[in-house]
PDB file of N, CA and C in Angstrom:
ATOM      1  N   MET A   1     -79.066  79.204  54.054  1.00  0.00           N
ATOM      2  CA  MET A   1     -78.596  77.842  54.165  1.00  0.00           C
ATOM      3  C   MET A   1     -79.597  76.990  54.780  1.00  0.00           C
ATOM      4  N   ASN A   2     -79.696  75.937  54.538  1.00  0.00           N
ATOM      5  CA  ASN A   2     -80.653  75.080  54.963  1.00  0.00           C
ATOM      6  C   ASN A   2     -80.059  74.195  56.223  1.00  0.00           C
ATOM      7  N   LYS A   3     -80.977  73.284  57.029  1.00  0.00           N
ATOM      8  CA  LYS A   3     -80.750  72.940  58.475  1.00  0.00           C
ATOM      9  C   LYS A   3     -79.407  72.039  58.180  1.00  0.00           C
ATOM     10  N   VAL A   4     -79.319  71.171  57.085  1.00  0.00           N
ATOM     11  CA  VAL A   4     -78.327  70.298  56.783  1.00  0.00           C
ATOM     12  C   VAL A   4     -77.118  70.980  57.017  1.00  0.00           C
ATOM     13  N   ARG A   5     -76.896  72.108  56.113  1.00  0.00           N
ATOM     14  CA  ARG A   5     -75.607  72.856  56.162  1.00  0.00           C
ATOM     15  C   ARG A   5     -75.299  73.490  57.473  1.00  0.00           C
ATOM     16  N   ILE A   6     -76.115  73.896  57.887  1.00  0.00           N
ATOM     17  CA  ILE A   6     -76.018  74.390  59.519  1.00  0.00           C
ATOM     18  C   ILE A   6     -75.544  73.338  60.411  1.00  0.00           C
ATOM     19  N   THR A   7     -76.042  72.256  60.545  1.00  0.00           N
ATOM     20  CA  THR A   7     -75.594  71.123  61.212  1.00  0.00           C
ATOM     21  C   THR A   7     -74.150  70.772  60.749  1.00  0.00           C
ATOM     22  N   GLY A   8     -73.660  70.686  59.416  1.00  0.00           N
ATOM     23  CA  GLY A   8     -72.416  70.468  58.910  1.00  0.00           C
ATOM     24  C   GLY A   8     -71.447  71.246  59.629  1.00  0.00           C
ATOM     25  N   LEU A   9     -72.003  72.749  59.445  1.00  0.00           N
ATOM     26  CA  LEU A   9     -71.099  73.609  60.191  1.00  0.00           C
ATOM     27  C   LEU A   9     -70.774  73.558  61.564  1.00  0.00           C
ATOM     28  N   GLY A  10     -71.856  73.237  62.354  1.00  0.00           N
ATOM     29  CA  GLY A  10     -71.744  72.888  63.529  1.00  0.00           C
ATOM     30  C   GLY A  10     -70.814  71.660  64.003  1.00  0.00           C
ATOM     31  N   LEU A  11     -71.008  70.619  63.072  1.00  0.00           N
ATOM     32  CA  LEU A  11     -70.190  69.668  63.577  1.00  0.00           C
ATOM     33  C   LEU A  11     -68.826  69.678  63.069  1.00  0.00           C
ATOM     34  N   LEU A  12     -68.647  70.632  61.877  1.00  0.00           N
ATOM     35  CA  LEU A  12     -67.128  71.045  61.696  1.00  0.00           C
ATOM     36  C   LEU A  12     -66.466  71.868  62.808  1.00  0.00           C
ATOM     37  N   ALA A  13     -67.277  72.712  63.434  1.00  0.00           N
ATOM     38  CA  ALA A  13     -66.761  73.667  64.686  1.00  0.00           C
ATOM     39  C   ALA A  13     -66.514  72.773  65.702  1.00  0.00           C
ATOM     40  N   ILE A  14     -67.221  71.731  65.858  1.00  0.00           N
ATOM     41  CA  ILE A  14     -66.948  70.916  67.293  1.00  0.00           C
ATOM     42  C   ILE A  14     -65.684  70.024  67.098  1.00  0.00           C
ATOM     43  N   GLY A  15     -65.682  69.527  65.635  1.00  0.00           N
ATOM     44  CA  GLY A  15     -64.276  68.623  65.412  1.00  0.00           C
ATOM     45  C   GLY A  15     -63.290  69.601  65.568  1.00  0.00           C
ATOM     46  N   ILE A  16     -63.272  70.507  65.083  1.00  0.00           N
ATOM     47  CA  ILE A  16     -61.891  71.579  65.138  1.00  0.00           C
ATOM     48  C   ILE A  16     -61.690  71.929  66.530  1.00  0.00           C
ATOM     49  N   SER A  17     -62.808  72.102  67.428  1.00  0.00           N
ATOM     50  CA  SER A  17     -62.360  72.293  68.886  1.00  0.00           C
ATOM     51  C   SER A  17     -62.082  71.254  69.662  1.00  0.00           C
ATOM     52  N   LEU A  18     -62.203  70.083  69.265  1.00  0.00           N
ATOM     53  CA  LEU A  18     -61.739  68.826  69.578  1.00  0.00           C
ATOM     54  C   LEU A  18     -60.467  68.800  69.426  1.00  0.00           C
ATOM     55  N   ILE A  19     -59.928  68.747  68.388  1.00  0.00           N
ATOM     56  CA  ILE A  19     -58.557  68.695  67.901  1.00  0.00           C
ATOM     57  C   ILE A  19     -57.543  69.595  69.014  1.00  0.00           C
ATOM     58  N   SER A  20     -58.085  70.835  69.375  1.00  0.00           N
ATOM     59  CA  SER A  20     -57.361  71.754  70.007  1.00  0.00           C
ATOM     60  C   SER A  20     -57.652  71.628  71.484  1.00  0.00           C
ATOM     61  N   LEU A  21     -58.623  70.774  71.777  1.00  0.00           N
ATOM     62  CA  LEU A  21     -58.757  71.026  73.477  1.00  0.00           C
ATOM     63  C   LEU A  21     -58.425  69.595  74.016  1.00  0.00           C
ATOM     64  N   PHE A  22     -58.544  68.513  73.379  1.00  0.00           N
ATOM     65  CA  PHE A  22     -58.187  67.084  74.074  1.00  0.00           C
ATOM     66  C   PHE A  22     -57.054  66.577  73.452  1.00  0.00           C
ATOM     67  N   GLU A  23     -56.307  65.510  74.090  1.00  0.00           N
ATOM     68  CA  GLU A  23     -55.109  64.748  73.822  1.00  0.00           C
ATOM     69  C   GLU A  23     -55.662  63.302  73.718  1.00  0.00           C
ATOM     70  N   GLY A  24     -54.948  62.561  72.948  1.00  0.00           N
ATOM     71  CA  GLY A  24     -55.305  60.974  72.960  1.00  0.00           C
ATOM     72  C   GLY A  24     -55.933  60.571  71.608  1.00  0.00           C
ATOM     73  N   ASP A  25     -55.867  59.458  71.663  1.00  0.00           N
ATOM     74  CA  ASP A  25     -56.296  58.670  70.469  1.00  0.00           C
ATOM     75  C   ASP A  25     -57.814  58.633  70.052  1.00  0.00           C
ATOM     76  N   LEU A  26     -58.391  58.510  71.117  1.00  0.00           N
ATOM     77  CA  LEU A  26     -59.898  58.316  70.938  1.00  0.00           C
ATOM     78  C   LEU A  26     -60.532  59.920  70.574  1.00  0.00           C
ATOM     79  N   ALA A  27     -60.008  60.848  71.229  1.00  0.00           N
ATOM     80  CA  ALA A  27     -60.254  62.241  70.985  1.00  0.00           C
ATOM     81  C   ALA A  27     -60.060  62.649  69.539  1.00  0.00           C
ATOM     82  N   GLY A  28     -58.743  62.102  69.085  1.00  0.00           N
ATOM     83  CA  GLY A  28     -58.469  62.416  67.620  1.00  0.00           C
ATOM     84  C   GLY A  28     -59.184  61.893  66.589  1.00  0.00           C
ATOM     85  N   ILE A  29     -59.901  60.331  66.835  1.00  0.00           N
ATOM     86  CA  ILE A  29     -60.808  59.665  66.360  1.00  0.00           C
ATOM     87  C   ILE A  29     -61.849  60.261  66.103  1.00  0.00           C
ATOM     88  N   ALA A  30     -62.294  60.591  67.282  1.00  0.00           N
ATOM     89  CA  ALA A  30     -63.770  61.387  67.021  1.00  0.00           C
ATOM     90  C   ALA A  30     -63.732  62.960  66.656  1.00  0.00           C
ATOM     91  N   ALA A  31     -62.776  63.542  66.612  1.00  0.00           N
ATOM     92  CA  ALA A  31     -62.536  64.827  65.885  1.00  0.00           C
ATOM     93  C   ALA A  31     -62.440  64.776  64.396  1.00  0.00           C
ATOM     94  N   GLY A  32     -61.689  63.565  64.105  1.00  0.00           N
ATOM     95  CA  GLY A  32     -61.589  63.181  62.666  1.00  0.00           C
ATOM     96  C   GLY A  32     -62.903  63.142  61.974  1.00  0.00           C
ATOM     97  N   LEU A  33     -63.826  62.182  62.898  1.00  0.00           N
ATOM     98  CA  LEU A  33     -65.075  61.710  62.211  1.00  0.00           C
ATOM     99  C   LEU A  33     -65.790  62.997  62.026  1.00  0.00           C
ATOM    100  N   LEU A  34     -65.989  63.570  63.068  1.00  0.00           N
ATOM    101  CA  LEU A  34     -67.077  64.959  63.040  1.00  0.00           C
ATOM    102  C   LEU A  34     -66.583  65.892  62.201  1.00  0.00           C
ATOM    103  N   THR A  35     -65.215  66.248  61.910  1.00  0.00           N
ATOM    104  CA  THR A  35     -64.843  66.937  60.987  1.00  0.00           C
ATOM    105  C   THR A  35     -65.163  66.581  59.631  1.00  0.00           C
ATOM    106  N   GLY A  36     -64.735  65.350  59.220  1.00  0.00           N
ATOM    107  CA  GLY A  36     -65.198  64.694  57.992  1.00  0.00           C
ATOM    108  C   GLY A  36     -66.577  64.883  57.634  1.00  0.00           C
ATOM    109  N   LEU A  37     -67.493  64.402  58.629  1.00  0.00           N
ATOM    110  CA  LEU A  37     -68.955  64.464  58.454  1.00  0.00           C
ATOM    111  C   LEU A  37     -69.552  65.831  58.024  1.00  0.00           C
ATOM    112  N   GLY A  38     -68.852  66.811  59.040  1.00  0.00           N
ATOM    113  CA  GLY A  38     -69.456  68.378  58.993  1.00  0.00           C
ATOM    114  C   GLY A  38     -68.888  68.680  57.604  1.00  0.00           C
ATOM    115  N   ILE A  39     -67.816  68.430  57.029  1.00  0.00           N
ATOM    116  CA  ILE A  39     -67.260  68.943  55.641  1.00  0.00           C
ATOM    117  C   ILE A  39     -68.146  68.120  54.639  1.00  0.00           C
ATOM    118  N   GLY A  40     -68.659  67.036  54.931  1.00  0.00           N
ATOM    119  CA  GLY A  40     -69.506  66.243  53.746  1.00  0.00           C
ATOM    120  C   GLY A  40     -70.755  67.122  53.819  1.00  0.00           C
ATOM    121  N   LEU A  41     -71.358  67.239  54.881  1.00  0.00           N
ATOM    122  CA  LEU A  41     -72.590  67.872  54.959  1.00  0.00           C
ATOM    123  C   LEU A  41     -72.762  69.345  54.396  1.00  0.00           C
ATOM    124  N   LEU A  42     -71.431  69.983  54.592  1.00  0.00           N
ATOM    125  CA  LEU A  42     -71.585  71.575  54.329  1.00  0.00           C
ATOM    126  C   LEU A  42     -71.378  71.386  52.796  1.00  0.00           C
ATOM    127  N   VAL A  43     -70.824  70.378  52.052  1.00  0.00           N
ATOM    128  CA  VAL A  43     -70.273  70.563  50.605  1.00  0.00           C
ATOM    129  C   VAL A  43     -71.548  70.189  50.037  1.00  0.00           C
ATOM    130  N   THR A  44     -72.496  69.093  50.591  1.00  0.00           N
ATOM    131  CA  THR A  44     -73.609  68.593  49.417  1.00  0.00           C
ATOM    132  C   THR A  44     -74.721  69.304  50.117  1.00  0.00           C
ATOM    133  N   GLY A  45     -74.926  69.477  51.237  1.00  0.00           N
ATOM    134  CA  GLY A  45     -76.355  69.953  51.569  1.00  0.00           C
ATOM    135  C   GLY A  45     -77.192  69.532  51.547  1.00  0.00           C
ATOM    136  N   ARG A  46     -77.335  68.271  51.523  1.00  0.00           N
ATOM    137  CA  ARG A  46     -78.580  67.051  51.730  1.00  0.00           C
ATOM    138  C   ARG A  46     -78.014  65.972  52.263  1.00  0.00           C
ATOM    139  N   LEU A  47     -78.971  65.305  52.883  1.00  0.00           N
ATOM    140  CA  LEU A  47     -79.012  64.062  52.954  1.00  0.00           C
ATOM    141  C   LEU A  47     -79.780  62.425  51.918  1.00  0.00           C
ATOM    142  N   ARG A  48     -78.979  61.933  51.708  1.00  0.00           N
ATOM    143  CA  ARG A  48     -79.606  61.321  50.544  1.00  0.00           C
ATOM    144  C   ARG A  48     -79.678  59.489  51.068  1.00  0.00           C
ATOM    145  N   PHE A  49     -80.807  58.876  51.339  1.00  0.00           N
ATOM    146  CA  PHE A  49     -80.714  57.464  51.566  1.00  0.00           C
ATOM    147  C   PHE A  49     -81.176  56.763  50.376  1.00  0.00           C
ATOM    148  N   GLN A  50     -80.932  55.627  50.148  1.00  0.00           N
ATOM    149  CA  GLN A  50     -81.247  54.756  49.030  1.00  0.00           C
ATOM    150  C   GLN A  50     -82.388  53.837  49.804  1.00  0.00           C
ATOM    151  N   LYS A  51     -83.635  53.644  48.847  1.00  0.00           N
ATOM    152  CA  LYS A  51     -84.439  52.670  49.175  1.00  0.00           C
ATOM    153  C   LYS A  51     -83.979  51.276  49.094  1.00  0.00           C
TER     154      LYS A  51
END
């Protein structure tokens, strides 16, 4: 696994733990964003920026 996929796995774990630990709208939004970003990085395995 490369560094990007490991980072994605970490973000996914943090997002899932936020869902179960905290209540509220802001925590839900943050958990959703972290989970989505983690899944995206885990699946693609790379960061691509257009010049």
